[in-house]
Amino acid sequence: MQRNVKTIVVSTVTGLLALGVLAGCSSGGNAAPTATRTVTATASAPAATPTSGGSGGADGSGGSSAAAGSSGSADTAGSSGSSGSSGSSADGSTCPASSLAGGTEAGSGGAAGSTIIQITLRNTGSTTCTLQGWPGVSFVGDGDGTQIGAAAALDRSSAHPTVTLRPGQIAVAPLKIANAEDFSNAACSPVAADGFRVYPPGSKESLYVPARGYTACAESSAALLDVQGLVPEGQAAD
């Protein structure tokens, strides 16, 4: 059927050309008659275009990849970095670690299952300086300052004013210490601590504060320490 239709179309075109020649002759033209022949052509269907389930990238990989999620870090500060705040203010320059001496004082004593003491930072320099924020605190042991377990969580709900320290004055940060005995040996891996590593706010230099009689957990999942912001000595709420 397709060949018959195409034969009719070609013959029709040839007839129209012949009529044009006759018209030319009638108008005085000298065009010679043109022989006609039937041409039969077979058209092929266009190739199908393959489809894919998704759009490919420029590299031909064929699809998009999901964006990788980022995990947030714990709200702690310890040996791997500085503490929880910059410590600078317009009232004076930030107290550098080199002009501070660390220590401990008795705190409120704590409740069942924990003890609260105070980490102290005393200005040993000759000029007034300031501290603001949370110190980084962690247990250390082995007599060489090796960190034990997780660093202290920062209690962001605690007061954290800018503390101005004249030479000899002290800022304190209450530190809550959970009892390692409340964890199983497998969950805690108890280790005797010989002190604390303390980072002043905003500092990447730490101070060693000797403190005996504490048991730390080597397992970082058994977090024992929770520290509040620095306040002037005598103003800690505990």
Foldseek 3Di string as FASTA:
>chain_A
DVQVVLQVVQVVVLVVVQVVVVVCVVVPHDDDGDDDDGDTDDDDDDDDDDDDPEDADPVRPRHDDDDDDDDDDAQADALVFFHDAQFQDPVAAAQAPVQWAWEKAADPQDDPQKGKIKIKIAGQDQAKHKAWWWKWKFFAAPVPRHGAAAIAHEPPVADTDIDIHHHGFMKIKMKMFGALVVDDCVQFVKDWTQFMWIHGHNDSDTHTYGDGDHIGGNHNVPDTIHIYHIDGPPPDPD
